[in-house]
Amino acid sequence: MLYTSFLRPRGPGVLWSYAPDAGSIAVGSTGGGVQVGGIGDVPPLDWGEFSRDLRLARRWSDDVHVFSLEGCVRQGFLARLRDFDWHQPVVPPSETAGQVEMMRQVLRAILWLSARPLVLLFGLLAVLWLLSHLRRAPRCKPPTK
């Protein structure tokens, strides 16, 4: 479930970053059925955002799901979906997807290290040892005349 409405303005980048690994993709939220604690009122996707997300998701998967039907009915999207042009061009969110991918790599590294505390401990000790030896190294003085 890649709800870009909860992740504005980087939502499309999140969708683009996670979509290649997904067997199917759910987009939304078009409104209704969701209470997000602590975030406040999250406006539902408008037609432009919703159609963009559908096309982005379709580039990665044949199985695209929508949340929620109630929101689509409320906003009048169902009639528009009947004649939806899946082949209309959509610009991949390359810049925000790159930012999201970088954050995912940092989080993966943190998780990897947190599962291996000895690697983290020895790495920190090696860095401290190296820094202490660099400070003690004799410094070259410029020649005097």
C-alpha atoms as a PDB file:
ATOM      1  CA  MET A   1       0.000   0.000   0.000  1.00  0.00           C
ATOM      2  CA  LEU A   2       1.789   3.060  -1.270  1.00  0.00           C
ATOM      3  CA  TYR A   3      -0.438   5.920  -0.211  1.00  0.00           C
ATOM      4  CA  THR A   4       1.201   8.994  -1.646  1.00  0.00           C
ATOM      5  CA  SER A   5      -1.437  11.175   0.004  1.00  0.00           C
ATOM      6  CA  PHE A   6       0.176  10.501   3.402  1.00  0.00           C
ATOM      7  CA  LEU A   7       3.673  11.294   2.165  1.00  0.00           C
ATOM      8  CA  ARG A   8       3.303  14.546   0.256  1.00  0.00           C
ATOM      9  CA  PRO A   9       5.384  15.954  -1.409  1.00  0.00           C
ATOM     10  CA  ARG A  10       7.658  12.870  -1.649  1.00  0.00           C
ATOM     11  CA  GLY A  11       4.811  10.377  -2.075  1.00  0.00           C
ATOM     12  CA  PRO A  12       5.319   9.718  -5.796  1.00  0.00           C
ATOM     13  CA  GLY A  13       9.031   9.113  -5.125  1.00  0.00           C
ATOM     14  CA  VAL A  14       8.144   6.576  -2.423  1.00  0.00           C
ATOM     15  CA  LEU A  15       5.798   4.812  -4.834  1.00  0.00           C
ATOM     16  CA  TRP A  16       8.464   4.771  -7.560  1.00  0.00           C
ATOM     17  CA  SER A  17      11.155   3.530  -5.151  1.00  0.00           C
ATOM     18  CA  TYR A  18       9.144   0.660  -3.631  1.00  0.00           C
ATOM     19  CA  ALA A  19       7.114  -0.377  -6.700  1.00  0.00           C
ATOM     20  CA  PRO A  20       9.800  -2.449  -8.486  1.00  0.00           C
ATOM     21  CA  ASP A  21       9.860  -4.881  -5.546  1.00  0.00           C
ATOM     22  CA  ALA A  22       6.074  -5.217  -5.246  1.00  0.00           C
ATOM     23  CA  GLY A  23       3.953  -8.035  -6.622  1.00  0.00           C
ATOM     24  CA  SER A  24       0.962  -5.727  -6.633  1.00  0.00           C
ATOM     25  CA  ILE A  25       0.491  -2.091  -5.688  1.00  0.00           C
ATOM     26  CA  ALA A  26      -2.315  -0.350  -3.826  1.00  0.00           C
ATOM     27  CA  VAL A  27      -2.619   3.390  -4.353  1.00  0.00           C
ATOM     28  CA  GLY A  28      -4.673   5.931  -2.431  1.00  0.00           C
ATOM     29  CA  SER A  29      -6.069   7.328  -0.343  1.00  0.00           C
ATOM     30  CA  THR A  30      -8.958   8.780  -2.272  1.00  0.00           C
ATOM     31  CA  GLY A  31     -10.739   9.530   1.009  1.00  0.00           C
ATOM     32  CA  GLY A  32     -12.796   7.652   3.548  1.00  0.00           C
ATOM     33  CA  GLY A  33     -11.945   4.780   5.835  1.00  0.00           C
ATOM     34  CA  VAL A  34      -8.622   6.075   7.166  1.00  0.00           C
ATOM     35  CA  GLN A  35      -7.748   7.835  10.402  1.00  0.00           C
ATOM     36  CA  VAL A  36      -4.067   8.653  10.725  1.00  0.00           C
ATOM     37  CA  GLY A  37      -3.139   9.305  14.333  1.00  0.00           C
ATOM     38  CA  GLY A  38      -0.840  12.228  15.022  1.00  0.00           C
ATOM     39  CA  ILE A  39      -0.762  13.488  11.431  1.00  0.00           C
ATOM     40  CA  GLY A  40      -4.008  15.406  11.449  1.00  0.00           C
ATOM     41  CA  ASP A  41      -6.315  15.664   8.491  1.00  0.00           C
ATOM     42  CA  VAL A  42      -4.677  14.321   5.363  1.00  0.00           C
ATOM     43  CA  PRO A  43      -6.450  15.553   2.233  1.00  0.00           C
ATOM     44  CA  PRO A  44      -7.369  12.757  -0.166  1.00  0.00           C
ATOM     45  CA  LEU A  45      -5.792  12.503  -3.594  1.00  0.00           C
ATOM     46  CA  ASP A  46      -7.336  14.706  -6.241  1.00  0.00           C
ATOM     47  CA  TRP A  47      -7.880  13.381  -9.779  1.00  0.00           C
ATOM     48  CA  GLY A  48      -4.480  14.578 -11.026  1.00  0.00           C
ATOM     49  CA  GLU A  49      -2.609  12.878  -8.172  1.00  0.00           C
ATOM     50  CA  PHE A  50      -4.753   9.750  -8.348  1.00  0.00           C
ATOM     51  CA  SER A  51      -4.375   9.294 -12.121  1.00  0.00           C
ATOM     52  CA  ARG A  52      -0.601   9.943 -11.829  1.00  0.00           C
ATOM     53  CA  ASP A  53      -0.309   7.267  -9.126  1.00  0.00           C
ATOM     54  CA  LEU A  54      -2.324   4.771 -11.165  1.00  0.00           C
ATOM     55  CA  ARG A  55      -0.050   5.258 -14.170  1.00  0.00           C
ATOM     56  CA  LEU A  56       3.137   5.100 -12.085  1.00  0.00           C
ATOM     57  CA  ALA A  57       1.963   1.910 -10.380  1.00  0.00           C
ATOM     58  CA  ARG A  58       0.921   0.343 -13.679  1.00  0.00           C
ATOM     59  CA  ARG A  59       4.446   0.803 -15.042  1.00  0.00           C
ATOM     60  CA  TRP A  60       5.643  -1.667 -12.389  1.00  0.00           C
ATOM     61  CA  SER A  61       2.738  -4.058 -11.906  1.00  0.00           C
ATOM     62  CA  ASP A  62      -0.273  -5.513 -13.690  1.00  0.00           C
ATOM     63  CA  ASP A  63      -2.067  -5.708 -10.328  1.00  0.00           C
ATOM     64  CA  VAL A  64      -3.045  -2.208  -9.213  1.00  0.00           C
ATOM     65  CA  HIS A  65      -5.480  -1.754  -6.335  1.00  0.00           C
ATOM     66  CA  VAL A  66      -7.271   1.378  -5.162  1.00  0.00           C
ATOM     67  CA  PHE A  67      -8.104   2.536  -1.675  1.00  0.00           C
ATOM     68  CA  SER A  68     -10.873   3.387  -1.254  1.00  0.00           C
ATOM     69  CA  LEU A  69     -13.992   2.763  -3.302  1.00  0.00           C
ATOM     70  CA  GLU A  70     -15.969   5.121  -1.054  1.00  0.00           C
ATOM     71  CA  GLY A  71     -13.531   7.930  -1.781  1.00  0.00           C
ATOM     72  CA  CYS A  72     -13.690   7.271  -5.540  1.00  0.00           C
ATOM     73  CA  VAL A  73     -17.492   7.434  -5.433  1.00  0.00           C
ATOM     74  CA  ARG A  74     -17.479  10.585  -3.282  1.00  0.00           C
ATOM     75  CA  GLN A  75     -15.086  12.374  -5.661  1.00  0.00           C
ATOM     76  CA  GLY A  76     -16.695  11.154  -8.890  1.00  0.00           C
ATOM     77  CA  PHE A  77     -13.699   9.068  -9.999  1.00  0.00           C
ATOM     78  CA  LEU A  78     -15.621   5.907 -10.975  1.00  0.00           C
ATOM     79  CA  ALA A  79     -17.039   7.383 -14.178  1.00  0.00           C
ATOM     80  CA  ARG A  80     -13.590   8.670 -15.124  1.00  0.00           C
ATOM     81  CA  LEU A  81     -12.029   5.254 -14.488  1.00  0.00           C
ATOM     82  CA  ARG A  82     -14.306   3.586 -17.047  1.00  0.00           C
ATOM     83  CA  ASP A  83     -12.483   5.345 -19.896  1.00  0.00           C
ATOM     84  CA  PHE A  84      -9.128   5.737 -18.162  1.00  0.00           C
ATOM     85  CA  ASP A  85      -6.175   5.969 -20.562  1.00  0.00           C
ATOM     86  CA  TRP A  86      -3.443   3.856 -18.986  1.00  0.00           C
ATOM     87  CA  HIS A  87      -1.006   4.722 -21.765  1.00  0.00           C
ATOM     88  CA  GLN A  88      -0.997   8.489 -21.285  1.00  0.00           C
ATOM     89  CA  PRO A  89       2.568   9.594 -20.474  1.00  0.00           C
ATOM     90  CA  VAL A  90       3.580  10.099 -16.885  1.00  0.00           C
ATOM     91  CA  VAL A  91       6.836  11.642 -15.698  1.00  0.00           C
ATOM     92  CA  PRO A  92       8.733   9.355 -13.315  1.00  0.00           C
ATOM     93  CA  PRO A  93       9.567  11.204 -10.072  1.00  0.00           C
ATOM     94  CA  SER A  94      13.303  10.561 -10.459  1.00  0.00           C
ATOM     95  CA  GLU A  95      14.559  13.248  -8.073  1.00  0.00           C
ATOM     96  CA  THR A  96      12.330  12.366  -5.117  1.00  0.00           C
ATOM     97  CA  ALA A  97      12.722   8.637  -5.844  1.00  0.00           C
ATOM     98  CA  GLY A  98      16.499   9.102  -5.572  1.00  0.00           C
ATOM     99  CA  GLN A  99      16.086  10.848  -2.214  1.00  0.00           C
ATOM    100  CA  VAL A 100      13.794   8.076  -0.986  1.00  0.00           C
ATOM    101  CA  GLU A 101      16.193   5.385  -2.208  1.00  0.00           C
ATOM    102  CA  MET A 102      19.095   7.061  -0.388  1.00  0.00           C
ATOM    103  CA  MET A 103      17.059   7.155   2.825  1.00  0.00           C
ATOM    104  CA  ARG A 104      16.139   3.479   2.363  1.00  0.00           C
ATOM    105  CA  GLN A 105      19.835   2.581   1.998  1.00  0.00           C
ATOM    106  CA  VAL A 106      20.719   4.483   5.180  1.00  0.00           C
ATOM    107  CA  LEU A 107      17.902   2.754   7.055  1.00  0.00           C
ATOM    108  CA  ARG A 108      18.993  -0.660   5.705  1.00  0.00           C
ATOM    109  CA  ALA A 109      22.539  -0.001   6.941  1.00  0.00           C
ATOM    110  CA  ILE A 110      21.255   1.037  10.371  1.00  0.00           C
ATOM    111  CA  LEU A 111      19.103  -2.087  10.593  1.00  0.00           C
ATOM    112  CA  TRP A 112      21.982  -4.278   9.418  1.00  0.00           C
ATOM    113  CA  LEU A 113      24.310  -2.802  12.046  1.00  0.00           C
ATOM    114  CA  SER A 114      21.692  -2.994  14.796  1.00  0.00           C
ATOM    115  CA  ALA A 115      21.411  -6.740  14.129  1.00  0.00           C
ATOM    116  CA  ARG A 116      25.217  -7.055  14.434  1.00  0.00           C
ATOM    117  CA  PRO A 117      26.266  -5.100  17.535  1.00  0.00           C
ATOM    118  CA  LEU A 118      29.760  -6.635  17.584  1.00  0.00           C
ATOM    119  CA  VAL A 119      30.478  -5.366  14.066  1.00  0.00           C
ATOM    120  CA  LEU A 120      29.328  -1.920  15.165  1.00  0.00           C
ATOM    121  CA  LEU A 121      31.418  -2.041  18.359  1.00  0.00           C
ATOM    122  CA  PHE A 122      34.596  -3.188  16.591  1.00  0.00           C
ATOM    123  CA  GLY A 123      34.047  -0.638  13.829  1.00  0.00           C
ATOM    124  CA  LEU A 124      33.742   2.176  16.354  1.00  0.00           C
ATOM    125  CA  LEU A 125      36.834   0.960  18.230  1.00  0.00           C
ATOM    126  CA  ALA A 126      38.801   0.840  14.963  1.00  0.00           C
ATOM    127  CA  VAL A 127      37.777   4.405  14.100  1.00  0.00           C
ATOM    128  CA  LEU A 128      38.716   5.649  17.586  1.00  0.00           C
ATOM    129  CA  TRP A 129      42.074   3.850  17.433  1.00  0.00           C
ATOM    130  CA  LEU A 130      42.779   5.316  14.003  1.00  0.00           C
ATOM    131  CA  LEU A 131      41.863   8.841  15.138  1.00  0.00           C
ATOM    132  CA  SER A 132      44.065   8.594  18.236  1.00  0.00           C
ATOM    133  CA  HIS A 133      47.043   7.447  16.160  1.00  0.00           C
ATOM    134  CA  LEU A 134      46.545  10.202  13.594  1.00  0.00           C
ATOM    135  CA  ARG A 135      46.675  12.794  16.378  1.00  0.00           C
ATOM    136  CA  ARG A 136      49.932  11.362  17.733  1.00  0.00           C
ATOM    137  CA  ALA A 137      51.631  11.190  14.343  1.00  0.00           C
ATOM    138  CA  PRO A 138      54.535  13.634  14.063  1.00  0.00           C
ATOM    139  CA  ARG A 139      53.744  16.652  11.995  1.00  0.00           C
ATOM    140  CA  CYS A 140      56.154  17.914   9.400  1.00  0.00           C
ATOM    141  CA  LYS A 141      57.281  21.450   9.984  1.00  0.00           C
ATOM    142  CA  PRO A 142      58.033  23.699   7.056  1.00  0.00           C
ATOM    143  CA  PRO A 143      61.751  24.392   6.570  1.00  0.00           C
ATOM    144  CA  THR A 144      63.014  27.593   8.167  1.00  0.00           C
ATOM    145  CA  LYS A 145      65.477  29.949   6.470  1.00  0.00           C
END
